[in-house]
Amino acid sequence: VLDRVELRYAGSDAQRLADINALATCDTLPDIALSIRGGY
């Protein structure tokens, strides 16, 4: 995710959405899902 850039965003809407939705299908959940930054 640190290498993603699209306009002012950290990737496309689909990529950024997948970061969250992927938590619903993880076999093993992380202990912490940490946002890299705010913005818009």
Full PDB file with SEQRES, HELIX, SHEET, SSBOND, CRYST1, ORIGX, SCALE, CONECT and MASTER records, all heavy atoms in Angstrom:
SEQRES   1 A   40  VAL LEU ASP ARG VAL GLU LEU ARG TYR ALA GLY SER ASP          
SEQRES   2 A   40  ALA GLN ARG LEU ALA ASP ILE ASN ALA LEU ALA THR CYS          
SEQRES   3 A   40  ASP THR LEU PRO ASP ILE ALA LEU SER ILE ARG GLY GLY          
SEQRES   4 A   40  TYR                                                          
HELIX    1 AA1 ASP A   13  ASN A   21  1                                   9    
HELIX    2 AA2 ALA A   22  ALA A   24  5                                   3    
CRYST1    1.000    1.000    1.000  90.00  90.00  90.00 P 1           1          
ORIGX1      1.000000  0.000000  0.000000        0.00000                         
ORIGX2      0.000000  1.000000  0.000000        0.00000                         
ORIGX3      0.000000  0.000000  1.000000        0.00000                         
SCALE1      1.000000  0.000000  0.000000        0.00000                         
SCALE2      0.000000  1.000000  0.000000        0.00000                         
SCALE3      0.000000  0.000000  1.000000        0.00000                         
ATOM      1  N   VAL A   1       0.825  -1.215   0.000  1.00  0.00           N  
ATOM      2  CA  VAL A   1       0.000   0.000   0.000  1.00  0.00           C  
ATOM      3  C   VAL A   1       0.858   1.263   0.000  1.00  0.00           C  
ATOM      4  O   VAL A   1       0.395   2.328  -0.397  1.00  0.00           O  
ATOM      5  CB  VAL A   1      -1.003   0.038   1.186  1.00  0.00           C  
ATOM      6  CG1 VAL A   1      -1.882  -1.204   1.182  1.00  0.00           C  
ATOM      7  CG2 VAL A   1      -0.298   0.205   2.518  1.00  0.00           C  
ATOM      8  N   LEU A   2       2.113   1.137   0.423  1.00  0.00           N  
ATOM      9  CA  LEU A   2       2.997   2.299   0.481  1.00  0.00           C  
ATOM     10  C   LEU A   2       3.469   2.732  -0.901  1.00  0.00           C  
ATOM     11  O   LEU A   2       4.019   3.826  -1.061  1.00  0.00           O  
ATOM     12  CB  LEU A   2       4.208   1.998   1.372  1.00  0.00           C  
ATOM     13  CG  LEU A   2       3.887   1.653   2.833  1.00  0.00           C  
ATOM     14  CD1 LEU A   2       5.165   1.324   3.586  1.00  0.00           C  
ATOM     15  CD2 LEU A   2       3.142   2.790   3.509  1.00  0.00           C  
ATOM     16  N   ASP A   3       3.266   1.890  -1.894  1.00  0.00           N  
ATOM     17  CA  ASP A   3       3.693   2.207  -3.261  1.00  0.00           C  
ATOM     18  C   ASP A   3       2.540   2.629  -4.159  1.00  0.00           C  
ATOM     19  O   ASP A   3       2.747   2.908  -5.333  1.00  0.00           O  
ATOM     20  CB  ASP A   3       4.393   0.991  -3.882  1.00  0.00           C  
ATOM     21  CG  ASP A   3       5.661   0.623  -3.144  1.00  0.00           C  
ATOM     22  OD1 ASP A   3       6.416   1.543  -2.780  1.00  0.00           O  
ATOM     23  OD2 ASP A   3       5.900  -0.579  -2.923  1.00  0.00           O  
ATOM     24  N   ARG A   4       1.343   2.683  -3.616  1.00  0.00           N  
ATOM     25  CA  ARG A   4       0.183   3.017  -4.438  1.00  0.00           C  
ATOM     26  C   ARG A   4      -0.062   4.526  -4.469  1.00  0.00           C  
ATOM     27  O   ARG A   4      -0.090   5.172  -3.417  1.00  0.00           O  
ATOM     28  CB  ARG A   4      -1.074   2.322  -3.907  1.00  0.00           C  
ATOM     29  CG  ARG A   4      -1.019   0.822  -3.987  1.00  0.00           C  
ATOM     30  CD  ARG A   4      -2.330   0.151  -3.674  1.00  0.00           C  
ATOM     31  NE  ARG A   4      -3.158   0.809  -2.694  1.00  0.00           N  
ATOM     32  CZ  ARG A   4      -3.888   0.167  -1.777  1.00  0.00           C  
ATOM     33  NH1 ARG A   4      -3.884  -1.155  -1.730  1.00  0.00           N  
ATOM     34  NH2 ARG A   4      -4.635   0.828  -0.928  1.00  0.00           N  
ATOM     35  N   VAL A   5      -0.253   5.057  -5.659  1.00  0.00           N  
ATOM     36  CA  VAL A   5      -0.594   6.469  -5.823  1.00  0.00           C  
ATOM     37  C   VAL A   5      -1.545   6.594  -7.011  1.00  0.00           C  
ATOM     38  O   VAL A   5      -1.252   6.097  -8.097  1.00  0.00           O  
ATOM     39  CB  VAL A   5       0.646   7.353  -6.090  1.00  0.00           C  
ATOM     40  CG1 VAL A   5       0.232   8.805  -6.302  1.00  0.00           C  
ATOM     41  CG2 VAL A   5       1.653   7.250  -4.958  1.00  0.00           C  
ATOM     42  N   GLU A   6      -2.685   7.207  -6.763  1.00  0.00           N  
ATOM     43  CA  GLU A   6      -3.583   7.583  -7.848  1.00  0.00           C  
ATOM     44  C   GLU A   6      -4.203   8.929  -7.485  1.00  0.00           C  
ATOM     45  O   GLU A   6      -4.980   9.020  -6.526  1.00  0.00           O  
ATOM     46  CB  GLU A   6      -4.677   6.532  -8.072  1.00  0.00           C  
ATOM     47  CG  GLU A   6      -5.577   6.902  -9.239  1.00  0.00           C  
ATOM     48  CD  GLU A   6      -6.409   5.736  -9.732  1.00  0.00           C  
ATOM     49  OE1 GLU A   6      -5.863   4.638  -9.939  1.00  0.00           O  
ATOM     50  OE2 GLU A   6      -7.620   5.940  -9.897  1.00  0.00           O  
ATOM     51  N   LEU A   7      -3.822   9.954  -8.255  1.00  0.00           N  
ATOM     52  CA  LEU A   7      -4.207  11.320  -7.922  1.00  0.00           C  
ATOM     53  C   LEU A   7      -3.774  11.625  -6.488  1.00  0.00           C  
ATOM     54  O   LEU A   7      -2.608  11.490  -6.162  1.00  0.00           O  
ATOM     55  CB  LEU A   7      -5.709  11.514  -8.132  1.00  0.00           C  
ATOM     56  CG  LEU A   7      -6.226  11.235  -9.554  1.00  0.00           C  
ATOM     57  CD1 LEU A   7      -7.738  11.332  -9.612  1.00  0.00           C  
ATOM     58  CD2 LEU A   7      -5.579  12.189 -10.554  1.00  0.00           C  
ATOM     59  N   ARG A   8      -4.705  11.994  -5.616  1.00  0.00           N  
ATOM     60  CA  ARG A   8      -4.343  12.290  -4.228  1.00  0.00           C  
ATOM     61  C   ARG A   8      -4.503  11.084  -3.317  1.00  0.00           C  
ATOM     62  O   ARG A   8      -4.299  11.186  -2.107  1.00  0.00           O  
ATOM     63  CB  ARG A   8      -5.187  13.445  -3.701  1.00  0.00           C  
ATOM     64  CG  ARG A   8      -6.660  13.117  -3.533  1.00  0.00           C  
ATOM     65  CD  ARG A   8      -7.452  14.244  -2.938  1.00  0.00           C  
ATOM     66  NE  ARG A   8      -7.630  15.321  -3.891  1.00  0.00           N  
ATOM     67  CZ  ARG A   8      -8.278  16.435  -3.645  1.00  0.00           C  
ATOM     68  NH1 ARG A   8      -8.823  16.638  -2.472  1.00  0.00           N  
ATOM     69  NH2 ARG A   8      -8.402  17.368  -4.557  1.00  0.00           N  
ATOM     70  N   TYR A   9      -4.889   9.943  -3.899  1.00  0.00           N  
ATOM     71  CA  TYR A   9      -5.244   8.767  -3.098  1.00  0.00           C  
ATOM     72  C   TYR A   9      -4.136   7.707  -3.091  1.00  0.00           C  
ATOM     73  O   TYR A   9      -3.289   7.663  -3.976  1.00  0.00           O  
ATOM     74  CB  TYR A   9      -6.527   8.132  -3.634  1.00  0.00           C  
ATOM     75  CG  TYR A   9      -7.639   9.115  -3.855  1.00  0.00           C  
ATOM     76  CD1 TYR A   9      -8.130   9.367  -5.135  1.00  0.00           C  
ATOM     77  CD2 TYR A   9      -8.199   9.811  -2.791  1.00  0.00           C  
ATOM     78  CE1 TYR A   9      -9.153  10.280  -5.346  1.00  0.00           C  
ATOM     79  CE2 TYR A   9      -9.216  10.727  -2.989  1.00  0.00           C  
ATOM     80  CZ  TYR A   9      -9.688  10.968  -4.271  1.00  0.00           C  
ATOM     81  OH  TYR A   9     -10.686  11.873  -4.472  1.00  0.00           O  
ATOM     82  N   ALA A  10      -4.224   6.815  -2.125  1.00  0.00           N  
ATOM     83  CA  ALA A  10      -3.293   5.687  -2.031  1.00  0.00           C  
ATOM     84  C   ALA A  10      -3.824   4.527  -2.863  1.00  0.00           C  
ATOM     85  O   ALA A  10      -4.086   3.436  -2.360  1.00  0.00           O  
ATOM     86  CB  ALA A  10      -3.108   5.272  -0.586  1.00  0.00           C  
ATOM     87  N   GLY A  11      -4.012   4.784  -4.141  1.00  0.00           N  
ATOM     88  CA  GLY A  11      -4.527   3.768  -5.042  1.00  0.00           C  
ATOM     89  C   GLY A  11      -5.928   4.100  -5.510  1.00  0.00           C  
ATOM     90  O   GLY A  11      -6.526   5.097  -5.096  1.00  0.00           O  
ATOM     91  N   SER A  12      -6.451   3.243  -6.362  1.00  0.00           N  
ATOM     92  CA  SER A  12      -7.803   3.424  -6.876  1.00  0.00           C  
ATOM     93  C   SER A  12      -8.820   3.169  -5.770  1.00  0.00           C  
ATOM     94  O   SER A  12      -8.496   2.591  -4.729  1.00  0.00           O  
ATOM     95  CB  SER A  12      -8.056   2.455  -8.033  1.00  0.00           C  
ATOM     96  OG  SER A  12      -8.065   1.118  -7.548  1.00  0.00           O  
ATOM     97  N   ASP A  13     -10.050   3.589  -6.009  1.00  0.00           N  
ATOM     98  CA  ASP A  13     -11.104   3.294  -5.037  1.00  0.00           C  
ATOM     99  C   ASP A  13     -11.184   1.792  -4.785  1.00  0.00           C  
ATOM    100  O   ASP A  13     -11.334   1.345  -3.650  1.00  0.00           O  
ATOM    101  CB  ASP A  13     -12.460   3.808  -5.541  1.00  0.00           C  
ATOM    102  CG  ASP A  13     -12.579   5.325  -5.483  1.00  0.00           C  
ATOM    103  OD1 ASP A  13     -11.633   5.991  -5.017  1.00  0.00           O  
ATOM    104  OD2 ASP A  13     -13.628   5.839  -5.912  1.00  0.00           O  
ATOM    105  N   ALA A  14     -11.088   0.999  -5.843  1.00  0.00           N  
ATOM    106  CA  ALA A  14     -11.186  -0.457  -5.705  1.00  0.00           C  
ATOM    107  C   ALA A  14     -10.057  -1.022  -4.853  1.00  0.00           C  
ATOM    108  O   ALA A  14     -10.275  -1.897  -4.010  1.00  0.00           O  
ATOM    109  CB  ALA A  14     -11.189  -1.117  -7.087  1.00  0.00           C  
ATOM    110  N   GLN A  15      -8.846  -0.512  -5.050  1.00  0.00           N  
ATOM    111  CA  GLN A  15      -7.706  -0.987  -4.250  1.00  0.00           C  
ATOM    112  C   GLN A  15      -7.866  -0.620  -2.789  1.00  0.00           C  
ATOM    113  O   GLN A  15      -7.629  -1.436  -1.893  1.00  0.00           O  
ATOM    114  CB  GLN A  15      -6.408  -0.393  -4.798  1.00  0.00           C  
ATOM    115  CG  GLN A  15      -5.960  -0.972  -6.114  1.00  0.00           C  
ATOM    116  CD  GLN A  15      -4.742  -0.238  -6.652  1.00  0.00           C  
ATOM    117  OE1 GLN A  15      -4.697   1.000  -6.676  1.00  0.00           O  
ATOM    118  NE2 GLN A  15      -3.732  -0.986  -7.070  1.00  0.00           N  
ATOM    119  N   ARG A  16      -8.250   0.623  -2.553  1.00  0.00           N  
ATOM    120  CA  ARG A  16      -8.380   1.093  -1.170  1.00  0.00           C  
ATOM    121  C   ARG A  16      -9.539   0.393  -0.460  1.00  0.00           C  
ATOM    122  O   ARG A  16      -9.455   0.055   0.722  1.00  0.00           O  
ATOM    123  CB  ARG A  16      -8.553   2.615  -1.156  1.00  0.00           C  
ATOM    124  CG  ARG A  16      -7.311   3.333  -1.655  1.00  0.00           C  
ATOM    125  CD  ARG A  16      -7.430   4.854  -1.665  1.00  0.00           C  
ATOM    126  NE  ARG A  16      -8.468   5.329  -2.549  1.00  0.00           N  
ATOM    127  CZ  ARG A  16      -9.545   5.998  -2.144  1.00  0.00           C  
ATOM    128  NH1 ARG A  16      -9.730   6.268  -0.851  1.00  0.00           N  
ATOM    129  NH2 ARG A  16     -10.452   6.399  -3.015  1.00  0.00           N  
ATOM    130  N   LEU A  17     -10.604   0.144  -1.192  1.00  0.00           N  
ATOM    131  CA  LEU A  17     -11.742  -0.583  -0.643  1.00  0.00           C  
ATOM    132  C   LEU A  17     -11.352  -2.015  -0.302  1.00  0.00           C  
ATOM    133  O   LEU A  17     -11.767  -2.569   0.722  1.00  0.00           O  
ATOM    134  CB  LEU A  17     -12.881  -0.560  -1.663  1.00  0.00           C  
ATOM    135  CG  LEU A  17     -14.265  -0.990  -1.228  1.00  0.00           C  
ATOM    136  CD1 LEU A  17     -14.759  -0.165  -0.055  1.00  0.00           C  
ATOM    137  CD2 LEU A  17     -15.225  -0.870  -2.403  1.00  0.00           C  
ATOM    138  N   ALA A  18     -10.537  -2.615  -1.157  1.00  0.00           N  
ATOM    139  CA  ALA A  18     -10.102  -3.998  -0.932  1.00  0.00           C  
ATOM    140  C   ALA A  18      -9.303  -4.146   0.354  1.00  0.00           C  
ATOM    141  O   ALA A  18      -9.323  -5.211   0.982  1.00  0.00           O  
ATOM    142  CB  ALA A  18      -9.283  -4.490  -2.121  1.00  0.00           C  
ATOM    143  N   ASP A  19      -8.591  -3.081   0.767  1.00  0.00           N  
ATOM    144  CA  ASP A  19      -7.840  -3.148   2.026  1.00  0.00           C  
ATOM    145  C   ASP A  19      -8.761  -3.479   3.196  1.00  0.00           C  
ATOM    146  O   ASP A  19      -8.392  -4.242   4.094  1.00  0.00           O  
ATOM    147  CB  ASP A  19      -7.158  -1.806   2.329  1.00  0.00           C  
ATOM    148  CG  ASP A  19      -6.018  -1.477   1.390  1.00  0.00           C  
ATOM    149  OD1 ASP A  19      -5.584  -2.365   0.638  1.00  0.00           O  
ATOM    150  OD2 ASP A  19      -5.558  -0.318   1.417  1.00  0.00           O  
ATOM    151  N   ILE A  20      -9.953  -2.884   3.186  1.00  0.00           N  
ATOM    152  CA  ILE A  20     -10.907  -3.098   4.277  1.00  0.00           C  
ATOM    153  C   ILE A  20     -11.691  -4.387   4.060  1.00  0.00           C  
ATOM    154  O   ILE A  20     -11.802  -5.228   4.968  1.00  0.00           O  
ATOM    155  CB  ILE A  20     -11.893  -1.913   4.396  1.00  0.00           C  
ATOM    156  CG1 ILE A  20     -11.140  -0.575   4.473  1.00  0.00           C  
ATOM    157  CG2 ILE A  20     -12.794  -2.091   5.611  1.00  0.00           C  
ATOM    158  CD1 ILE A  20     -10.230  -0.420   5.641  1.00  0.00           C  
ATOM    159  N   ASN A  21     -12.237  -4.573   2.870  1.00  0.00           N  
ATOM    160  CA  ASN A  21     -13.070  -5.752   2.605  1.00  0.00           C  
ATOM    161  C   ASN A  21     -12.298  -7.057   2.743  1.00  0.00           C  
ATOM    162  O   ASN A  21     -12.891  -8.096   3.050  1.00  0.00           O  
ATOM    163  CB  ASN A  21     -13.703  -5.658   1.219  1.00  0.00           C  
ATOM    164  CG  ASN A  21     -14.866  -4.688   1.180  1.00  0.00           C  
ATOM    165  OD1 ASN A  21     -15.515  -4.437   2.193  1.00  0.00           O  
ATOM    166  ND2 ASN A  21     -15.134  -4.116   0.016  1.00  0.00           N  
ATOM    167  N   ALA A  22     -10.988  -7.017   2.522  1.00  0.00           N  
ATOM    168  CA  ALA A  22     -10.172  -8.229   2.656  1.00  0.00           C  
ATOM    169  C   ALA A  22     -10.217  -8.785   4.073  1.00  0.00           C  
ATOM    170  O   ALA A  22     -10.006  -9.988   4.280  1.00  0.00           O  
ATOM    171  CB  ALA A  22      -8.726  -7.943   2.241  1.00  0.00           C  
ATOM    172  N   LEU A  23     -10.507  -7.931   5.054  1.00  0.00           N  
ATOM    173  CA  LEU A  23     -10.590  -8.406   6.436  1.00  0.00           C  
ATOM    174  C   LEU A  23     -11.738  -9.412   6.607  1.00  0.00           C  
ATOM    175  O   LEU A  23     -11.714 -10.214   7.534  1.00  0.00           O  
ATOM    176  CB  LEU A  23     -10.772  -7.231   7.399  1.00  0.00           C  
ATOM    177  CG  LEU A  23      -9.623  -6.219   7.449  1.00  0.00           C  
ATOM    178  CD1 LEU A  23      -9.992  -5.033   8.339  1.00  0.00           C  
ATOM    179  CD2 LEU A  23      -8.333  -6.880   7.930  1.00  0.00           C  
ATOM    180  N   ALA A  24     -12.725  -9.362   5.722  1.00  0.00           N  
ATOM    181  CA  ALA A  24     -13.867 -10.273   5.823  1.00  0.00           C  
ATOM    182  C   ALA A  24     -13.523 -11.666   5.321  1.00  0.00           C  
ATOM    183  O   ALA A  24     -14.268 -12.616   5.593  1.00  0.00           O  
ATOM    184  CB  ALA A  24     -15.054  -9.712   5.040  1.00  0.00           C  
ATOM    185  N   THR A  25     -12.427 -11.808   4.595  1.00  0.00           N  
ATOM    186  CA  THR A  25     -12.104 -13.106   3.995  1.00  0.00           C  
ATOM    187  C   THR A  25     -10.747 -13.651   4.438  1.00  0.00           C  
ATOM    188  O   THR A  25     -10.309 -14.680   3.928  1.00  0.00           O  
ATOM    189  CB  THR A  25     -12.129 -12.997   2.458  1.00  0.00           C  
ATOM    190  OG1 THR A  25     -11.218 -11.977   2.037  1.00  0.00           O  
ATOM    191  CG2 THR A  25     -13.528 -12.656   1.967  1.00  0.00           C  
ATOM    192  N   CYS A  26     -10.096 -12.969   5.367  1.00  0.00           N  
ATOM    193  CA  CYS A  26      -8.791 -13.451   5.860  1.00  0.00           C  
ATOM    194  C   CYS A  26      -8.954 -14.770   6.597  1.00  0.00           C  
ATOM    195  O   CYS A  26      -9.806 -14.892   7.479  1.00  0.00           O  
ATOM    196  CB  CYS A  26      -8.183 -12.434   6.832  1.00  0.00           C  
ATOM    197  SG  CYS A  26      -7.531 -10.962   6.078  1.00  0.00           S  
ATOM    198  N   ASP A  27      -8.124 -15.742   6.263  1.00  0.00           N  
ATOM    199  CA  ASP A  27      -8.099 -16.976   7.053  1.00  0.00           C  
ATOM    200  C   ASP A  27      -7.593 -16.677   8.460  1.00  0.00           C  
ATOM    201  O   ASP A  27      -8.124 -17.169   9.445  1.00  0.00           O  
ATOM    202  CB  ASP A  27      -7.205 -18.020   6.378  1.00  0.00           C  
ATOM    203  CG  ASP A  27      -7.809 -18.550   5.093  1.00  0.00           C  
ATOM    204  OD1 ASP A  27      -9.053 -18.542   4.970  1.00  0.00           O  
ATOM    205  OD2 ASP A  27      -7.046 -18.947   4.206  1.00  0.00           O  
ATOM    206  N   THR A  28      -6.540 -15.883   8.526  1.00  0.00           N  
ATOM    207  CA  THR A  28      -5.974 -15.463   9.806  1.00  0.00           C  
ATOM    208  C   THR A  28      -5.973 -13.939   9.843  1.00  0.00           C  
ATOM    209  O   THR A  28      -5.323 -13.297   9.025  1.00  0.00           O  
ATOM    210  CB  THR A  28      -4.533 -15.978   9.976  1.00  0.00           C  
ATOM    211  OG1 THR A  28      -4.528 -17.400   9.843  1.00  0.00           O  
ATOM    212  CG2 THR A  28      -3.987 -15.594  11.337  1.00  0.00           C  
ATOM    213  N   LEU A  29      -6.705 -13.390  10.785  1.00  0.00           N  
ATOM    214  CA  LEU A  29      -6.785 -11.938  10.903  1.00  0.00           C  
ATOM    215  C   LEU A  29      -5.511 -11.373  11.522  1.00  0.00           C  
ATOM    216  O   LEU A  29      -4.895 -12.012  12.379  1.00  0.00           O  
ATOM    217  CB  LEU A  29      -7.974 -11.537  11.778  1.00  0.00           C  
ATOM    218  CG  LEU A  29      -9.358 -11.686  11.159  1.00  0.00           C  
ATOM    219  CD1 LEU A  29     -10.434 -11.512  12.236  1.00  0.00           C  
ATOM    220  CD2 LEU A  29      -9.561 -10.672  10.048  1.00  0.00           C  
ATOM    221  N   PRO A  30      -5.127 -10.169  11.125  1.00  0.00           N  
ATOM    222  CA  PRO A  30      -4.026  -9.511  11.828  1.00  0.00           C  
ATOM    223  C   PRO A  30      -4.497  -9.096  13.225  1.00  0.00           C  
ATOM    224  O   PRO A  30      -5.693  -9.025  13.487  1.00  0.00           O  
ATOM    225  CB  PRO A  30      -3.743  -8.282  10.952  1.00  0.00           C  
ATOM    226  CG  PRO A  30      -5.061  -7.975  10.318  1.00  0.00           C  
ATOM    227  CD  PRO A  30      -5.713  -9.313  10.083  1.00  0.00           C  
ATOM    228  N   ASP A  31      -3.552  -8.820  14.094  1.00  0.00           N  
ATOM    229  CA  ASP A  31      -3.909  -8.280  15.406  1.00  0.00           C  
ATOM    230  C   ASP A  31      -4.320  -6.819  15.279  1.00  0.00           C  
ATOM    231  O   ASP A  31      -5.199  -6.347  15.995  1.00  0.00           O  
ATOM    232  CB  ASP A  31      -2.724  -8.402  16.372  1.00  0.00           C  
ATOM    233  CG  ASP A  31      -2.308  -9.848  16.566  1.00  0.00           C  
ATOM    234  OD1 ASP A  31      -3.121 -10.615  17.102  1.00  0.00           O  
ATOM    235  OD2 ASP A  31      -1.189 -10.200  16.146  1.00  0.00           O  
ATOM    236  N   ILE A  32      -3.661  -6.124  14.355  1.00  0.00           N  
ATOM    237  CA  ILE A  32      -3.913  -4.692  14.158  1.00  0.00           C  
ATOM    238  C   ILE A  32      -4.012  -4.409  12.664  1.00  0.00           C  
ATOM    239  O   ILE A  32      -3.129  -4.812  11.896  1.00  0.00           O  
ATOM    240  CB  ILE A  32      -2.767  -3.841  14.750  1.00  0.00           C  
ATOM    241  CG1 ILE A  32      -2.600  -4.109  16.245  1.00  0.00           C  
ATOM    242  CG2 ILE A  32      -3.008  -2.353  14.504  1.00  0.00           C  
ATOM    243  CD1 ILE A  32      -1.305  -3.564  16.830  1.00  0.00           C  
ATOM    244  N   ALA A  33      -5.076  -3.727  12.264  1.00  0.00           N  
ATOM    245  CA  ALA A  33      -5.170  -3.167  10.910  1.00  0.00           C  
ATOM    246  C   ALA A  33      -4.930  -1.673  11.083  1.00  0.00           C  
ATOM    247  O   ALA A  33      -5.747  -0.972  11.677  1.00  0.00           O  
ATOM    248  CB  ALA A  33      -6.530  -3.447  10.297  1.00  0.00           C  
ATOM    249  N   LEU A  34      -3.789  -1.191  10.601  1.00  0.00           N  
ATOM    250  CA  LEU A  34      -3.328   0.166  10.893  1.00  0.00           C  
ATOM    251  C   LEU A  34      -3.352   1.031   9.636  1.00  0.00           C  
ATOM    252  O   LEU A  34      -2.707   0.712   8.640  1.00  0.00           O  
ATOM    253  CB  LEU A  34      -1.905   0.121  11.455  1.00  0.00           C  
ATOM    254  CG  LEU A  34      -1.286   1.443  11.880  1.00  0.00           C  
ATOM    255  CD1 LEU A  34      -2.007   2.033  13.085  1.00  0.00           C  
ATOM    256  CD2 LEU A  34       0.199   1.247  12.191  1.00  0.00           C  
ATOM    257  N   SER A  35      -4.098   2.116   9.709  1.00  0.00           N  
ATOM    258  CA  SER A  35      -4.143   3.058   8.596  1.00  0.00           C  
ATOM    259  C   SER A  35      -2.806   3.785   8.489  1.00  0.00           C  
ATOM    260  O   SER A  35      -2.201   4.146   9.497  1.00  0.00           O  
ATOM    261  CB  SER A  35      -5.276   4.062   8.821  1.00  0.00           C  
ATOM    262  OG  SER A  35      -5.419   4.910   7.715  1.00  0.00           O  
ATOM    263  N   ILE A  36      -2.367   3.998   7.242  1.00  0.00           N  
ATOM    264  CA  ILE A  36      -1.053   4.638   7.072  1.00  0.00           C  
ATOM    265  C   ILE A  36      -1.128   6.147   7.256  1.00  0.00           C  
ATOM    266  O   ILE A  36      -0.178   6.764   7.717  1.00  0.00           O  
ATOM    267  CB  ILE A  36      -0.412   4.301   5.716  1.00  0.00           C  
ATOM    268  CG1 ILE A  36      -1.246   4.825   4.549  1.00  0.00           C  
ATOM    269  CG2 ILE A  36      -0.173   2.803   5.607  1.00  0.00           C  
ATOM    270  CD1 ILE A  36      -0.522   4.813   3.211  1.00  0.00           C  
ATOM    271  N   ARG A  37      -2.281   6.769   6.884  1.00  0.00           N  
ATOM    272  CA  ARG A  37      -2.445   8.212   7.062  1.00  0.00           C  
ATOM    273  C   ARG A  37      -3.890   8.584   6.767  1.00  0.00           C  
ATOM    274  O   ARG A  37      -4.677   7.768   6.313  1.00  0.00           O  
ATOM    275  CB  ARG A  37      -1.504   9.020   6.172  1.00  0.00           C  
ATOM    276  CG  ARG A  37      -1.711   8.844   4.685  1.00  0.00           C  
ATOM    277  CD  ARG A  37      -1.105   9.963   3.866  1.00  0.00           C  
ATOM    278  NE  ARG A  37      -1.807  11.216   4.088  1.00  0.00           N  
ATOM    279  CZ  ARG A  37      -1.936  12.176   3.180  1.00  0.00           C  
ATOM    280  NH1 ARG A  37      -1.395  12.022   1.986  1.00  0.00           N  
ATOM    281  NH2 ARG A  37      -2.589  13.274   3.445  1.00  0.00           N  
ATOM    282  N   GLY A  38      -4.224   9.839   7.039  1.00  0.00           N  
ATOM    283  CA  GLY A  38      -5.551  10.343   6.714  1.00  0.00           C  
ATOM    284  C   GLY A  38      -5.524  11.036   5.371  1.00  0.00           C  
ATOM    285  O   GLY A  38      -4.961  10.522   4.419  1.00  0.00           O  
ATOM    286  N   GLY A  39      -6.120  12.208   5.316  1.00  0.00           N  
ATOM    287  CA  GLY A  39      -6.143  12.949   4.066  1.00  0.00           C  
ATOM    288  C   GLY A  39      -7.551  13.121   3.555  1.00  0.00           C  
ATOM    289  O   GLY A  39      -8.347  13.870   4.109  1.00  0.00           O  
ATOM    290  N   TYR A  40      -7.875  12.383   2.511  1.00  0.00           N  
ATOM    291  CA  TYR A  40      -9.169  12.544   1.859  1.00  0.00           C  
ATOM    292  C   TYR A  40      -9.488  11.273   1.078  1.00  0.00           C  
ATOM    293  O   TYR A  40      -8.590  10.611   0.566  1.00  0.00           O  
ATOM    294  CB  TYR A  40      -9.129  13.747   0.905  1.00  0.00           C  
ATOM    295  CG  TYR A  40     -10.390  13.944   0.110  1.00  0.00           C  
ATOM    296  CD1 TYR A  40     -11.511  14.537   0.674  1.00  0.00           C  
ATOM    297  CD2 TYR A  40     -10.459  13.510  -1.208  1.00  0.00           C  
ATOM    298  CE1 TYR A  40     -12.674  14.703  -0.048  1.00  0.00           C  
ATOM    299  CE2 TYR A  40     -11.615  13.678  -1.956  1.00  0.00           C  
ATOM    300  CZ  TYR A  40     -12.723  14.272  -1.379  1.00  0.00           C  
ATOM    301  OH  TYR A  40     -13.867  14.430  -2.092  1.00  0.00           O  
TER     302      TYR A  40                                                      
MASTER        0    0    0    2    0    0    0    6  301    1    0    4          
END                                                                             
